[in-house]
Amino acid sequence: MATEQPTAAVTGDQTRIHNIGYRAYDGPRLGRAYARRSLYSQSLRGAYGLGRSAKAKVLPMLLFVVMCLPAGIMVAVAVVTKSKELPLEYTRYAIVLQAVISLYIASQAPQSVSRDLRFKTVPLYFSRPIETSDYVRAKYAALASALFLLTAAPLIVLYAGALLAELDFADQTAGFAQGLVSVALLSLLFAGIGLVIASVTPRRGFGIAAVIAVLTITYGAVSTLQAIADVQDSTGAIAWIGLFSPITLIDGVQSAFLGATSAFPGGHGPGTGQGVVYLLVTLGLIAGAHGLLIRRYKKVGL
């Protein structure tokens, strides 16, 4: 009859540690600054479809061409006709082409943040050495930079054309500098508004519609009320009404401090005192947009 063999007790001497080839990382720790720069670079490239599919490049590149094309035509006219001045002031260019700018920010603000919300990848960012403020600042700076490229490029075309047409160098340089300051402020304001609206919903289509609605409805309402005030000879109210639309805010700031001609009805732009209010409201909206984004992503990142 077979007898059961006793099971040998496993002693501590029989344990083994097997080296299967994993090694600890002993390279440099790049930290938050590197992660922030990488996120900024990736977001800026994405704003023009770089690194993405050909389909994603069509709209931003098309809008870029549409922004620059009128400037090229103006330059050609100025050179051929030997005009003494450009057909349009540097500070007026972005105001005239505001529809293109609004369409760009409406398409790219949701692209920047809505996909992260939809696919719930935001917590993955915060699992690395990056904080909420880093994410928000990188996204904000990237979209503002992309918008600045969109609005500054046609001004460069105008300036180069003015020099080719041998217009007054000092006047053109001063106007060009004023235009750059104006579009820089516009880029910060529109990027902040677009990102705040887009960060509310993970649906890109809803974000696009909401951004377009906010920018167009506010401008349409303000323009209508200003026209009514002008017809009724209430010219003093025209400047105050302009505080309630992003594009008229920029118009008011540049007409008060940058020597620009106001697009308000009858040219009734804000004076210096009202211009200070315009500037404070604009800076307040930029700071408020940043604060709202920080608050939003503190909740989303949990």
Protein backbone atom coordinates (compact mmCIF):
# COMPACT_ATOMS: atom_id res chain seq x y z
CA MET A 1 0.00 0.00 0.00
CA ALA A 2 1.44 3.36 -1.06
CA THR A 3 2.10 5.84 1.64
CA GLU A 4 1.65 9.62 1.17
CA GLN A 5 4.91 11.48 1.01
CA PRO A 6 5.13 14.36 3.49
CA THR A 7 5.20 17.85 1.97
CA ALA A 8 8.50 19.56 2.53
CA ALA A 9 8.24 22.80 4.44
CA VAL A 10 9.41 25.88 2.51
CA THR A 11 12.15 27.47 4.46
CA GLY A 12 13.56 30.95 4.14
CA ASP A 13 16.68 29.56 2.53
CA GLN A 14 14.68 28.53 -0.56
CA THR A 15 13.38 32.05 -1.47
CA ARG A 16 14.95 33.71 -4.51
CA ILE A 17 14.91 37.23 -5.97
CA HIS A 18 14.99 37.07 -9.75
CA ASN A 19 16.45 39.93 -11.79
CA ILE A 20 14.20 40.23 -14.86
CA GLY A 21 15.94 43.23 -16.36
CA TYR A 22 14.01 46.24 -15.03
CA ARG A 23 16.18 49.21 -14.19
CA ALA A 24 15.34 52.37 -12.33
CA TYR A 25 15.44 55.64 -14.27
CA ASP A 26 18.59 57.52 -13.30
CA GLY A 27 18.44 60.32 -15.88
CA PRO A 28 17.60 64.00 -15.28
CA ARG A 29 14.23 64.88 -13.79
CA LEU A 30 12.85 67.58 -16.13
CA GLY A 31 10.03 68.59 -13.79
CA ARG A 32 7.04 70.91 -14.12
CA ALA A 33 8.66 73.51 -16.35
CA TYR A 34 9.42 70.96 -19.05
CA ALA A 35 5.93 69.46 -18.82
CA ARG A 36 4.40 72.93 -19.06
CA ARG A 37 6.48 73.83 -22.13
CA SER A 38 5.63 70.52 -23.78
CA LEU A 39 1.91 71.03 -23.21
CA TYR A 40 2.15 74.59 -24.53
CA SER A 41 4.02 73.47 -27.66
CA GLN A 42 1.63 70.60 -28.34
CA SER A 43 -1.43 72.84 -27.86
CA LEU A 44 -0.02 75.60 -30.08
CA ARG A 45 0.75 73.13 -32.86
CA GLY A 46 -2.72 71.63 -32.50
CA ALA A 47 -4.32 75.06 -32.94
CA TYR A 48 -3.14 74.96 -36.58
CA GLY A 49 -3.62 71.22 -37.07
CA LEU A 50 0.10 70.43 -36.99
CA GLY A 51 0.76 66.88 -35.90
CA ARG A 52 -2.85 65.97 -36.64
CA SER A 53 -4.74 64.71 -39.69
CA ALA A 54 -4.94 66.66 -42.96
CA LYS A 55 -8.62 67.32 -42.25
CA ALA A 56 -7.74 69.08 -39.00
CA LYS A 57 -5.40 71.47 -40.85
CA VAL A 58 -7.95 72.70 -43.40
CA LEU A 59 -10.01 75.17 -41.37
CA PRO A 60 -7.25 76.91 -39.34
CA MET A 61 -4.99 77.23 -42.40
CA LEU A 62 -7.88 78.48 -44.52
CA LEU A 63 -8.77 81.11 -41.92
CA PHE A 64 -5.11 82.15 -41.74
CA VAL A 65 -5.09 82.70 -45.51
CA VAL A 66 -8.40 84.60 -45.35
CA MET A 67 -6.93 86.88 -42.68
CA CYS A 68 -3.82 87.66 -44.74
CA LEU A 69 -5.40 87.91 -48.20
CA PRO A 70 -7.02 91.36 -47.78
CA ALA A 71 -3.72 92.71 -46.45
CA GLY A 72 -1.94 91.44 -49.55
CA ILE A 73 -4.54 93.07 -51.80
CA MET A 74 -4.21 96.37 -49.95
CA VAL A 75 -0.45 96.27 -50.28
CA ALA A 76 -0.69 95.58 -54.02
CA VAL A 77 -3.08 98.50 -54.48
CA ALA A 78 -0.85 100.84 -52.47
CA VAL A 79 2.24 99.89 -54.46
CA VAL A 80 0.59 100.08 -57.89
CA THR A 81 -1.24 103.36 -57.28
CA LYS A 82 1.69 104.89 -55.36
CA SER A 83 -0.68 105.83 -52.55
CA LYS A 84 0.52 108.04 -49.71
CA GLU A 85 -1.15 105.85 -47.07
CA LEU A 86 -2.56 102.37 -46.61
CA PRO A 87 -6.30 101.87 -47.27
CA LEU A 88 -6.81 100.65 -43.68
CA GLU A 89 -5.15 101.51 -40.38
CA TYR A 90 -3.24 98.78 -38.56
CA THR A 91 -5.51 99.08 -35.52
CA ARG A 92 -8.65 98.76 -37.65
CA TYR A 93 -7.70 95.56 -39.45
CA ALA A 94 -8.72 93.10 -36.71
CA ILE A 95 -11.95 95.01 -36.08
CA VAL A 96 -12.96 94.76 -39.74
CA LEU A 97 -12.12 91.03 -39.90
CA GLN A 98 -13.63 90.18 -36.52
CA ALA A 99 -15.89 87.51 -38.07
CA VAL A 100 -12.86 85.49 -39.16
CA ILE A 101 -11.29 85.86 -35.71
CA SER A 102 -14.52 84.74 -34.01
CA LEU A 103 -14.78 81.71 -36.27
CA TYR A 104 -11.17 80.76 -35.53
CA ILE A 105 -11.54 81.02 -31.76
CA ALA A 106 -14.86 79.14 -31.92
CA SER A 107 -13.24 76.25 -33.79
CA GLN A 108 -9.97 76.02 -31.88
CA ALA A 109 -10.96 76.69 -28.25
CA PRO A 110 -13.06 73.48 -28.06
CA GLN A 111 -10.33 71.58 -29.90
CA SER A 112 -7.88 72.64 -27.22
CA VAL A 113 -9.84 71.50 -24.16
CA SER A 114 -13.02 69.62 -25.08
CA ARG A 115 -11.27 66.40 -26.14
CA ASP A 116 -9.45 66.19 -22.80
CA LEU A 117 -12.79 66.53 -21.04
CA ARG A 118 -14.60 64.10 -23.32
CA PHE A 119 -12.04 61.31 -23.03
CA LYS A 120 -11.36 62.07 -19.34
CA THR A 121 -7.61 62.51 -19.82
CA VAL A 122 -7.29 65.57 -17.56
CA PRO A 123 -6.59 63.47 -14.41
CA LEU A 124 -3.77 61.76 -16.34
CA TYR A 125 -2.06 65.13 -16.81
CA PHE A 126 -2.23 65.76 -13.08
CA SER A 127 -0.76 62.33 -12.29
CA ARG A 128 2.54 63.71 -13.56
CA PRO A 129 4.53 66.60 -12.01
CA ILE A 130 2.05 69.18 -13.30
CA GLU A 131 -0.58 71.13 -11.40
CA THR A 132 -3.89 72.71 -12.33
CA SER A 133 -2.32 76.13 -12.80
CA ASP A 134 0.30 74.66 -15.16
CA TYR A 135 -2.35 73.05 -17.35
CA VAL A 136 -4.50 76.18 -17.49
CA ARG A 137 -1.61 78.54 -18.20
CA ALA A 138 -0.20 76.30 -20.93
CA LYS A 139 -3.56 75.99 -22.68
CA TYR A 140 -4.34 79.71 -22.26
CA ALA A 141 -0.92 80.82 -23.49
CA ALA A 142 -1.05 78.42 -26.46
CA LEU A 143 -4.44 79.59 -27.71
CA ALA A 144 -3.57 83.26 -27.15
CA SER A 145 -0.30 82.76 -29.05
CA ALA A 146 -2.12 81.04 -31.92
CA LEU A 147 -4.63 83.88 -32.10
CA PHE A 148 -1.82 86.44 -31.97
CA LEU A 149 -0.15 84.73 -34.95
CA LEU A 150 -3.46 84.87 -36.82
CA THR A 151 -3.97 88.59 -36.18
CA ALA A 152 -0.37 89.80 -36.31
CA ALA A 153 0.56 88.10 -39.62
CA PRO A 154 -1.60 90.42 -41.79
CA LEU A 155 -0.19 93.44 -39.95
CA ILE A 156 3.32 92.27 -40.89
CA VAL A 157 2.15 92.01 -44.51
CA LEU A 158 0.77 95.55 -44.34
CA TYR A 159 3.96 96.90 -42.76
CA ALA A 160 6.23 95.21 -45.31
CA GLY A 161 4.04 96.51 -48.12
CA ALA A 162 4.10 100.02 -46.70
CA LEU A 163 7.88 99.99 -46.68
CA LEU A 164 7.93 98.68 -50.25
CA ALA A 165 5.58 101.50 -51.24
CA GLU A 166 8.05 103.91 -49.60
CA LEU A 167 5.51 105.33 -47.18
CA ASP A 168 6.72 107.35 -44.20
CA PHE A 169 8.84 104.99 -42.08
CA ALA A 170 8.18 106.66 -38.72
CA ASP A 171 4.39 106.80 -39.20
CA GLN A 172 4.18 103.21 -40.42
CA THR A 173 6.37 101.90 -37.61
CA ALA A 174 4.30 103.68 -34.97
CA GLY A 175 1.05 102.40 -36.50
CA PHE A 176 2.43 98.88 -36.75
CA ALA A 177 3.48 98.90 -33.08
CA GLN A 178 0.05 100.17 -32.03
CA GLY A 179 -1.60 97.43 -34.08
CA LEU A 180 0.53 94.74 -32.41
CA VAL A 181 -0.42 96.00 -28.94
CA SER A 182 -4.09 95.98 -29.93
CA VAL A 183 -4.10 92.42 -31.31
CA ALA A 184 -2.08 91.16 -28.33
CA LEU A 185 -4.79 92.43 -25.99
CA LEU A 186 -7.48 91.04 -28.30
CA SER A 187 -5.77 87.63 -28.32
CA LEU A 188 -5.68 87.40 -24.54
CA LEU A 189 -9.31 88.47 -24.19
CA PHE A 190 -10.76 86.22 -26.90
CA ALA A 191 -8.66 83.21 -25.87
CA GLY A 192 -9.85 83.52 -22.28
CA ILE A 193 -13.51 83.83 -23.25
CA GLY A 194 -13.28 80.95 -25.73
CA LEU A 195 -11.58 78.59 -23.28
CA VAL A 196 -14.00 79.33 -20.44
CA ILE A 197 -16.99 78.58 -22.66
CA ALA A 198 -15.39 75.48 -24.23
CA SER A 199 -14.35 74.06 -20.85
CA VAL A 200 -17.98 73.83 -19.74
CA THR A 201 -18.87 71.02 -22.15
CA PRO A 202 -16.97 67.97 -23.45
CA ARG A 203 -18.98 68.17 -26.69
CA ARG A 204 -16.94 70.02 -29.28
CA GLY A 205 -19.99 70.92 -31.38
CA PHE A 206 -21.74 72.50 -28.41
CA GLY A 207 -18.57 74.43 -27.58
CA ILE A 208 -18.27 75.81 -31.11
CA ALA A 209 -21.91 76.90 -31.16
CA ALA A 210 -21.68 78.49 -27.70
CA VAL A 211 -18.53 80.51 -28.52
CA ILE A 212 -20.01 81.78 -31.80
CA ALA A 213 -23.26 82.68 -30.05
CA VAL A 214 -21.55 84.64 -27.26
CA LEU A 215 -19.26 86.59 -29.59
CA THR A 216 -21.81 87.35 -32.31
CA ILE A 217 -24.87 87.99 -30.15
CA THR A 218 -23.07 90.40 -27.84
CA TYR A 219 -21.58 92.32 -30.77
CA GLY A 220 -24.90 92.40 -32.63
CA ALA A 221 -26.80 93.61 -29.57
CA VAL A 222 -24.22 96.28 -28.74
CA SER A 223 -24.04 97.54 -32.34
CA THR A 224 -27.83 97.75 -32.53
CA LEU A 225 -28.12 99.67 -29.26
CA GLN A 226 -25.31 102.02 -30.29
CA ALA A 227 -27.03 102.73 -33.62
CA ILE A 228 -30.31 103.47 -31.80
CA ALA A 229 -28.51 105.80 -29.39
CA ASP A 230 -26.85 107.59 -32.31
CA VAL A 231 -30.19 108.10 -34.11
CA GLN A 232 -31.75 109.44 -30.92
CA ASP A 233 -28.79 111.81 -30.37
CA SER A 234 -27.85 110.03 -27.13
CA THR A 235 -24.18 110.12 -28.09
CA GLY A 236 -23.03 109.98 -24.49
CA ALA A 237 -24.46 106.48 -24.09
CA ILE A 238 -22.66 105.05 -27.14
CA ALA A 239 -19.33 104.61 -25.38
CA TRP A 240 -20.86 103.04 -22.26
CA ILE A 241 -22.85 100.54 -24.34
CA GLY A 242 -19.57 99.40 -25.91
CA LEU A 243 -18.49 97.85 -22.61
CA PHE A 244 -20.74 94.83 -23.19
CA SER A 245 -19.04 93.22 -26.18
CA PRO A 246 -15.48 91.84 -26.44
CA ILE A 247 -14.70 93.38 -29.84
CA THR A 248 -16.08 96.81 -28.88
CA LEU A 249 -14.01 96.65 -25.69
CA ILE A 250 -10.86 96.34 -27.81
CA ASP A 251 -12.11 99.10 -30.11
CA GLY A 252 -12.62 101.37 -27.12
CA VAL A 253 -9.20 100.68 -25.61
CA GLN A 254 -7.31 101.30 -28.83
CA SER A 255 -9.28 104.44 -29.71
CA ALA A 256 -8.66 105.85 -26.21
CA PHE A 257 -4.97 104.98 -25.84
CA LEU A 258 -3.54 103.94 -29.22
CA GLY A 259 -4.75 106.78 -31.41
CA ALA A 260 -7.05 104.53 -33.44
CA THR A 261 -10.17 105.74 -35.21
CA SER A 262 -13.22 104.37 -33.44
CA ALA A 263 -15.69 102.17 -35.30
CA PHE A 264 -18.52 103.34 -33.05
CA PRO A 265 -21.43 105.15 -34.78
CA GLY A 266 -20.41 108.71 -35.57
CA GLY A 267 -16.90 107.98 -34.32
CA HIS A 268 -18.09 108.56 -30.75
CA GLY A 269 -15.44 106.45 -29.06
CA PRO A 270 -14.61 106.65 -25.35
CA GLY A 271 -12.60 109.55 -23.99
CA THR A 272 -9.59 109.10 -21.75
CA GLY A 273 -11.66 108.65 -18.59
CA GLN A 274 -13.98 106.15 -20.21
CA GLY A 275 -10.96 104.51 -21.81
CA VAL A 276 -9.59 103.73 -18.35
CA VAL A 277 -12.86 101.93 -17.59
CA TYR A 278 -12.57 100.02 -20.86
CA LEU A 279 -9.02 98.96 -20.02
CA LEU A 280 -9.95 97.88 -16.49
CA VAL A 281 -12.93 95.86 -17.73
CA THR A 282 -10.76 94.18 -20.37
CA LEU A 283 -8.02 93.27 -17.90
CA GLY A 284 -10.67 92.15 -15.41
CA LEU A 285 -12.22 89.80 -17.98
CA ILE A 286 -8.80 88.32 -18.79
CA ALA A 287 -8.00 87.76 -15.12
CA GLY A 288 -11.52 86.48 -14.47
CA ALA A 289 -11.26 83.98 -17.33
CA HIS A 290 -8.00 82.66 -15.90
CA GLY A 291 -9.54 82.34 -12.45
CA LEU A 292 -12.63 80.53 -13.77
CA LEU A 293 -10.44 78.07 -15.67
CA ILE A 294 -8.40 77.33 -12.54
CA ARG A 295 -11.59 76.71 -10.58
CA ARG A 296 -13.05 74.55 -13.34
CA TYR A 297 -10.02 72.29 -13.65
CA LYS A 298 -9.62 71.84 -9.92
CA LYS A 299 -12.96 70.05 -10.07
CA VAL A 300 -12.35 68.22 -13.36
CA GLY A 301 -8.96 66.93 -12.27
CA LEU A 302 -10.30 65.06 -9.26
